[in-house]
Amino acid sequence: MSAQAVLFDLPGPKARRRQRIGTAVGAVLVLGLVGLGLWRLADNGQLDPARWAVLFDPAAGVPQALGEALLNTLYVAAVGMVAATVLGALLAVGRLSHHIWVRIPVTVVVEFFRAVPLLVLILFCLLFLPTVGLPMNPFRALALGLTLYNMAVLSEIFRAGILSVDKGQREAAMALGMRKTQVMTLVLLPQAVRRMLPVLVAQLVVLLKDSSLGFIVGYIELLRQARSLVEFFNFQFGNLYTFQLYVAAAVIYIVVNVALSQAAKVIERRTRSNAKTAAVAAPNDPTSTITPGAAGPV
């Protein structure tokens, strides 16, 4: 019996007919809305090829400006991703500590930074930290704000992933004589990361998009650069290229986020295939001291 038949009854002829009709009606409505939008854009002259040509004209400076802003966005996002991931993993381990003097302060830190809005953190880093002697600029304020907020969110993702690993994994590793640090770093965390990879990637995509808050503190990222170009061209030619420039920035964001998601899928497939290979090879390895099924893919 298939899993679908267990979860719910398979649709009959009438139900399948209704599903096809609903799908067709929904597709027609979506196509109609898209057509209406394109018609309105064409009616306003927004689809004029001359307007879109400015995005690819080196003489206008738009490709260079957007490319430089994209590099700035990726740079601050990469710094925030690496720092937030490392600190989030450490905080997750701290929240799972058996020592109350470690667990309670770490819990307070995580809950505090999860509760504070990201924009408030960025402004706090830029405006307050220099008053206590810490040098700060827009890049540092944005990177630090992204790190503080996302490390708290990622710590909860890591903690949930660690808790989702079967207790037998921990017990088998302890039975082999591993220390708590070895159990966490060699057994639990690798499996937790593999299980939580889709959620981790989703949060990293959110971090990348949150880098657009840099325009508040004057950091030249993709959105601020697009806005600066809009203001420049509006001053020179009137409201002529506003739609095109913002669409270009949106498309760049979409392409980068899709590329990040696809890279995560490739990594997930490879880690799963490696885990399956290790699980198959372990019983055939005469030097292995792990009983098949006792500790899983350690």
Protein backbone atom coordinates (compact mmCIF):
# COMPACT_ATOMS: atom_id res chain seq x y z
CA MET A 1 0.00 0.00 0.00
CA SER A 2 1.39 3.39 -0.99
CA ALA A 3 1.98 6.18 1.51
CA GLN A 4 -0.63 8.35 -0.21
CA ALA A 5 -3.29 5.67 0.24
CA VAL A 6 -2.43 5.44 3.94
CA LEU A 7 -2.60 9.21 4.53
CA PHE A 8 -5.76 9.94 2.53
CA ASP A 9 -8.12 8.36 0.03
CA LEU A 10 -7.09 8.59 -3.58
CA PRO A 11 -9.33 10.96 -5.59
CA GLY A 12 -11.93 9.39 -7.81
CA PRO A 13 -12.87 10.42 -11.36
CA LYS A 14 -15.10 13.29 -10.25
CA ALA A 15 -12.49 14.62 -7.81
CA ARG A 16 -9.77 14.46 -10.46
CA ARG A 17 -12.07 16.31 -12.87
CA ARG A 18 -12.68 19.04 -10.29
CA GLN A 19 -8.94 19.30 -9.65
CA ARG A 20 -8.23 19.73 -13.35
CA ILE A 21 -10.93 22.38 -13.66
CA GLY A 22 -9.62 24.25 -10.60
CA THR A 23 -6.06 24.09 -11.96
CA ALA A 24 -7.18 25.41 -15.35
CA VAL A 25 -9.20 28.24 -13.81
CA GLY A 26 -6.31 29.22 -11.52
CA ALA A 27 -3.87 29.20 -14.46
CA VAL A 28 -6.20 31.40 -16.50
CA LEU A 29 -6.54 33.87 -13.63
CA VAL A 30 -2.78 34.05 -13.11
CA LEU A 31 -2.10 34.50 -16.81
CA GLY A 32 -4.79 37.17 -16.95
CA LEU A 33 -3.22 39.11 -14.06
CA VAL A 34 0.23 38.83 -15.66
CA GLY A 35 -1.16 39.99 -19.00
CA LEU A 36 -2.95 42.90 -17.36
CA GLY A 37 0.24 43.95 -15.61
CA LEU A 38 2.27 43.77 -18.82
CA TRP A 39 -0.40 45.72 -20.68
CA ARG A 40 -0.35 48.49 -18.08
CA LEU A 41 3.45 48.61 -18.17
CA ALA A 42 3.46 48.78 -21.97
CA ASP A 43 0.79 51.47 -21.90
CA ASN A 44 3.01 53.57 -19.62
CA GLY A 45 6.07 52.99 -21.80
CA GLN A 46 7.89 50.93 -19.17
CA LEU A 47 8.61 48.10 -21.62
CA ASP A 48 10.34 50.41 -24.10
CA PRO A 49 13.68 48.73 -25.01
CA ALA A 50 15.42 52.12 -24.85
CA ARG A 51 14.62 52.33 -21.15
CA TRP A 52 16.04 48.90 -20.43
CA ALA A 53 19.16 49.50 -22.51
CA VAL A 54 20.55 51.79 -19.79
CA LEU A 55 21.05 48.75 -17.56
CA PHE A 56 23.64 47.37 -19.99
CA ASP A 57 25.25 50.63 -21.11
CA PRO A 58 28.77 50.97 -19.64
CA ALA A 59 28.78 54.66 -20.61
CA ALA A 60 25.90 55.29 -18.22
CA GLY A 61 27.79 53.57 -15.41
CA VAL A 62 24.83 51.45 -14.31
CA PRO A 63 26.41 47.98 -14.74
CA GLN A 64 29.56 49.06 -12.89
CA ALA A 65 27.60 50.65 -10.05
CA LEU A 66 25.29 47.67 -9.58
CA GLY A 67 28.20 45.24 -9.82
CA GLU A 68 30.17 47.10 -7.15
CA ALA A 69 27.08 47.26 -4.92
CA LEU A 70 26.51 43.53 -5.42
CA LEU A 71 30.06 42.81 -4.24
CA ASN A 72 29.50 44.99 -1.18
CA THR A 73 26.27 43.13 -0.45
CA LEU A 74 27.90 39.72 -0.81
CA TYR A 75 30.86 40.81 1.31
CA VAL A 76 28.83 41.97 4.29
CA ALA A 77 26.47 39.00 3.95
CA ALA A 78 29.38 36.54 3.85
CA VAL A 79 30.93 38.07 6.97
CA GLY A 80 27.57 37.93 8.75
CA MET A 81 26.90 34.35 7.62
CA VAL A 82 30.24 32.98 8.79
CA ALA A 83 30.24 34.82 12.12
CA ALA A 84 26.56 34.08 12.86
CA THR A 85 26.96 30.39 11.98
CA VAL A 86 30.02 29.90 14.19
CA LEU A 87 28.58 31.85 17.12
CA GLY A 88 25.17 30.22 16.66
CA ALA A 89 26.71 26.75 16.92
CA LEU A 90 28.59 27.74 20.09
CA LEU A 91 25.45 29.22 21.63
CA ALA A 92 23.49 26.06 20.79
CA VAL A 93 26.07 23.94 22.55
CA GLY A 94 25.94 26.33 25.51
CA ARG A 95 22.16 26.08 25.74
CA LEU A 96 22.45 22.29 25.86
CA SER A 97 25.15 22.36 28.55
CA HIS A 98 24.53 20.45 31.78
CA HIS A 99 26.13 23.30 33.74
CA ILE A 100 23.50 25.78 34.83
CA TRP A 101 26.06 28.59 35.08
CA VAL A 102 26.63 28.18 31.33
CA ARG A 103 23.11 27.39 30.19
CA ILE A 104 21.27 30.31 31.86
CA PRO A 105 23.54 33.18 30.64
CA VAL A 106 23.58 31.71 27.12
CA THR A 107 19.78 31.43 27.16
CA VAL A 108 19.48 35.07 28.23
CA VAL A 109 21.78 36.18 25.40
CA VAL A 110 19.88 34.16 22.79
CA GLU A 111 16.44 35.31 23.89
CA PHE A 112 17.57 38.94 24.13
CA PHE A 113 18.99 39.16 20.61
CA ARG A 114 16.05 37.23 19.16
CA ALA A 115 13.66 39.76 20.68
CA VAL A 116 15.43 42.94 19.56
CA PRO A 117 14.58 44.11 16.00
CA LEU A 118 17.46 43.90 13.57
CA LEU A 119 17.21 47.56 12.61
CA VAL A 120 17.52 48.59 16.27
CA LEU A 121 20.65 46.45 16.60
CA ILE A 122 22.23 48.05 13.54
CA LEU A 123 21.48 51.58 14.77
CA PHE A 124 22.70 50.68 18.26
CA CYS A 125 26.02 49.45 16.86
CA LEU A 126 26.47 52.58 14.75
CA LEU A 127 25.36 55.22 17.27
CA PHE A 128 26.16 53.83 20.72
CA LEU A 129 29.29 51.72 20.40
CA PRO A 130 31.48 54.66 19.28
CA THR A 131 30.51 56.47 22.51
CA VAL A 132 32.18 53.70 24.56
CA GLY A 133 35.38 53.78 22.52
CA LEU A 134 34.64 51.15 19.86
CA PRO A 135 35.39 52.48 16.36
CA MET A 136 32.45 51.90 14.06
CA ASN A 137 31.55 52.54 10.44
CA PRO A 138 28.52 51.55 8.32
CA PHE A 139 30.05 48.23 7.27
CA ARG A 140 30.94 47.20 10.81
CA ALA A 141 27.58 48.29 12.17
CA LEU A 142 25.69 46.33 9.52
CA ALA A 143 27.86 43.21 9.82
CA LEU A 144 27.71 43.25 13.62
CA GLY A 145 23.94 43.76 13.66
CA LEU A 146 23.41 40.91 11.20
CA THR A 147 25.70 38.68 13.25
CA LEU A 148 24.08 39.38 16.62
CA TYR A 149 20.55 38.83 15.39
CA ASN A 150 21.15 35.81 13.19
CA MET A 151 23.45 34.02 15.64
CA ALA A 152 20.50 33.88 18.06
CA VAL A 153 18.17 32.50 15.38
CA LEU A 154 20.73 30.01 14.10
CA SER A 155 21.48 28.82 17.63
CA GLU A 156 17.87 27.73 18.01
CA ILE A 157 18.04 25.97 14.63
CA PHE A 158 21.20 24.12 15.69
CA ARG A 159 19.69 23.25 19.07
CA ALA A 160 16.55 21.84 17.46
CA GLY A 161 18.69 19.82 15.07
CA ILE A 162 20.83 18.40 17.87
CA LEU A 163 17.77 17.46 19.92
CA SER A 164 16.26 15.73 16.89
CA VAL A 165 19.15 13.25 16.74
CA ASP A 166 18.21 9.93 18.32
CA LYS A 167 19.44 9.50 21.90
CA GLY A 168 20.95 6.20 20.90
CA GLN A 169 23.57 8.08 18.92
CA ARG A 170 24.81 9.86 22.04
CA GLU A 171 24.64 6.74 24.16
CA ALA A 172 26.54 4.66 21.60
CA ALA A 173 29.26 7.31 21.32
CA MET A 174 29.58 7.54 25.11
CA ALA A 175 29.79 3.76 25.28
CA LEU A 176 32.75 3.89 22.90
CA GLY A 177 34.56 6.11 25.40
CA MET A 178 34.11 9.45 23.65
CA ARG A 179 34.19 12.61 25.73
CA LYS A 180 31.24 15.02 25.68
CA THR A 181 33.12 17.38 23.37
CA GLN A 182 33.83 14.58 20.92
CA VAL A 183 30.22 13.39 21.02
CA MET A 184 28.98 16.88 20.23
CA THR A 185 31.49 17.74 17.48
CA LEU A 186 31.90 14.33 15.83
CA VAL A 187 28.48 12.71 16.25
CA LEU A 188 25.67 15.16 17.01
CA LEU A 189 26.56 18.38 15.20
CA PRO A 190 27.29 16.80 11.78
CA GLN A 191 23.95 15.01 11.80
CA ALA A 192 22.14 18.10 13.10
CA VAL A 193 23.59 20.27 10.35
CA ARG A 194 22.62 17.73 7.71
CA ARG A 195 19.06 17.57 9.03
CA MET A 196 18.71 21.32 9.48
CA LEU A 197 20.39 22.31 6.20
CA PRO A 198 17.20 23.51 4.44
CA VAL A 199 16.25 25.67 7.42
CA LEU A 200 19.81 26.96 7.72
CA VAL A 201 19.86 27.96 4.07
CA ALA A 202 16.48 29.66 4.44
CA GLN A 203 17.82 31.74 7.33
CA LEU A 204 20.99 32.61 5.41
CA VAL A 205 18.84 33.78 2.50
CA VAL A 206 16.95 35.99 4.98
CA LEU A 207 20.30 37.33 6.20
CA LEU A 208 21.31 38.18 2.66
CA LYS A 209 18.08 40.07 2.08
CA ASP A 210 18.37 41.80 5.46
CA SER A 211 21.65 43.30 4.26
CA SER A 212 19.45 45.76 2.36
CA LEU A 213 18.94 47.52 5.73
CA GLY A 214 22.43 48.90 5.18
CA PHE A 215 20.92 51.83 3.31
CA ILE A 216 19.70 53.12 6.71
CA VAL A 217 23.27 53.55 7.96
CA GLY A 218 24.78 54.68 4.66
CA TYR A 219 26.37 51.40 3.54
CA ILE A 220 26.49 51.21 -0.26
CA GLU A 221 24.77 47.88 -0.84
CA LEU A 222 22.56 46.86 -3.76
CA LEU A 223 19.32 48.53 -2.71
CA ARG A 224 20.97 51.81 -1.71
CA GLN A 225 22.93 51.88 -4.96
CA ALA A 226 19.73 51.34 -6.95
CA ARG A 227 18.07 54.15 -5.04
CA SER A 228 21.05 56.44 -5.66
CA LEU A 229 20.90 55.68 -9.37
CA VAL A 230 17.17 56.39 -9.41
CA GLU A 231 17.72 59.76 -7.76
CA PHE A 232 20.54 60.59 -10.17
CA PHE A 233 18.57 59.69 -13.30
CA ASN A 234 15.44 61.40 -11.96
CA PHE A 235 17.46 64.58 -11.56
CA GLN A 236 18.91 64.25 -15.05
CA PHE A 237 15.98 62.89 -17.08
CA GLY A 238 12.94 62.87 -14.82
CA ASN A 239 11.12 59.74 -13.67
CA LEU A 240 12.34 57.68 -16.61
CA TYR A 241 14.33 54.69 -15.30
CA THR A 242 12.92 54.15 -11.80
CA PHE A 243 11.06 50.94 -12.59
CA GLN A 244 13.94 49.45 -14.57
CA LEU A 245 16.56 50.09 -11.88
CA TYR A 246 14.51 48.62 -9.05
CA VAL A 247 13.60 45.61 -11.19
CA ALA A 248 17.29 45.08 -11.94
CA ALA A 249 18.12 45.13 -8.21
CA ALA A 250 15.27 42.71 -7.48
CA VAL A 251 16.41 40.32 -10.23
CA ILE A 252 19.96 40.34 -8.86
CA TYR A 253 18.66 39.49 -5.39
CA ILE A 254 16.55 36.66 -6.82
CA VAL A 255 19.45 35.19 -8.82
CA VAL A 256 21.81 35.27 -5.84
CA ASN A 257 19.25 33.70 -3.50
CA VAL A 258 18.35 30.99 -6.00
CA ALA A 259 22.06 30.23 -6.52
CA LEU A 260 22.53 29.95 -2.76
CA SER A 261 19.56 27.59 -2.48
CA GLN A 262 20.81 25.42 -5.34
CA ALA A 263 24.29 25.24 -3.81
CA ALA A 264 22.72 24.10 -0.54
CA LYS A 265 20.77 21.39 -2.37
CA VAL A 266 23.98 20.10 -3.98
CA ILE A 267 25.72 20.04 -0.60
CA GLU A 268 22.75 18.25 0.97
CA ARG A 269 22.71 15.58 -1.74
CA ARG A 270 26.44 14.99 -1.39
CA THR A 271 26.34 14.75 2.39
CA ARG A 272 23.45 12.31 2.25
CA SER A 273 25.19 10.17 -0.36
CA ASN A 274 28.40 10.20 1.71
CA ALA A 275 26.44 9.21 4.81
CA LYS A 276 24.77 6.34 2.96
CA THR A 277 28.12 5.18 1.59
CA ALA A 278 29.66 5.25 5.06
CA ALA A 279 26.69 3.38 6.51
CA VAL A 280 26.99 0.65 3.86
CA ALA A 281 30.77 0.38 4.13
CA ALA A 282 30.89 0.26 7.93
CA PRO A 283 29.48 -3.30 8.33
CA ASN A 284 31.96 -4.59 5.75
CA ASP A 285 34.94 -2.94 7.45
CA PRO A 286 36.66 -5.53 9.69
CA THR A 287 38.48 -2.76 11.58
CA SER A 288 35.26 -0.99 12.55
CA THR A 289 34.38 -1.17 16.24
CA ILE A 290 30.88 0.26 15.80
CA THR A 291 28.00 -2.17 15.68
CA PRO A 292 25.84 -1.59 12.61
CA GLY A 293 22.85 0.53 13.57
CA ALA A 294 24.22 1.40 17.01
CA ALA A 295 25.71 4.77 16.31
CA GLY A 296 24.64 5.53 12.75
CA PRO A 297 26.82 7.67 10.47
CA VAL A 298 29.47 8.77 12.99
